């Protein structure tokens, strides 16, 4: 049975603009909504979403997870050996099952690929010693085939993959093609949805906009069914309402304006999708928190129609 996790990024405005909200609040919301676990971002500066880096704090997090009957995965970025070694220790302190990362650094992605091959090969014995596999994501840097190239080179049971439902669309790579390339290594996934906004000016590629799950163009149901057939242990639900990212170079076979890469009609999009949440938070932080929870709840209402989401309960009002 595939477990469903809740991502801390989906409540990022709660962390920043709801007084008192922290990782313990996230744990309580996930438990009340019926999730099996949480994915928590652990980034410098501040480790905001894990709410601290001290060992005593991490042990308190682990005890609260145990109390609420939840699992946890930790997420970070970069492939530097020292950084990921430190993050593996953090992951061990909270009892994480996986540590997710993605490549950062040089603009030249071929350099990133080479660096990731070298670094992740060095991290293999460290991950094995700690007992926590490292998952490389097809983030906004690499397409599915490039992730597969790295993992083929590293060739370790301790360096695997996390599949993101929509990131490959930034490169006009169909998500199903990305999944096919990464399939032998996938251990977890980021379940989310999006629409594509048309270019504002000539010569631009357009923008990917995160929307409530089930209301966008990503083949969410198809991808979830494929992952379930693979026997995936866990999938992470990620509310990306208001998130925007520019479309990139065309590494896939998709054509702008066609099929799932069709442009959204701006006049038909709900007003709350088009809000610049970061800007609104400066003057109306409470409204941004409210809209974020509405988007999360709308996504869960749709997700309950899928077998993987059938056990979720409606308790968003408790947030």
Foldseek 3Di string as FASTA:
>chain_A
DAFEAAELQLLVLCLVQPPPDALLNVLVVCLQQPGQAYEFEQEDDPRSHNRDQDLVSLLVLLVSCVVSNHAYEYEYEALAQVVVLSVLVSCLSNVHQAYEYEHDDDLPLVVRLVVNLVRVLVCQVSLVVSVHAYAYECALRHALQSSLVSCVSSVHLRYAHEYEQCNNVLQLAQSVNSCVSRVVGHQEYEQFAWAWACDPDPPFRTKTFTAQPPPALGPRQVVVVVCVVSVHHYYYYHRRQQDMDGRDHHPHDHDQCDRSNNHDDVVPDDPSSPDNLVVVCVPCSVVSSVSSLVSVQVNLVVVCVHPNSVSTDDDSVVD
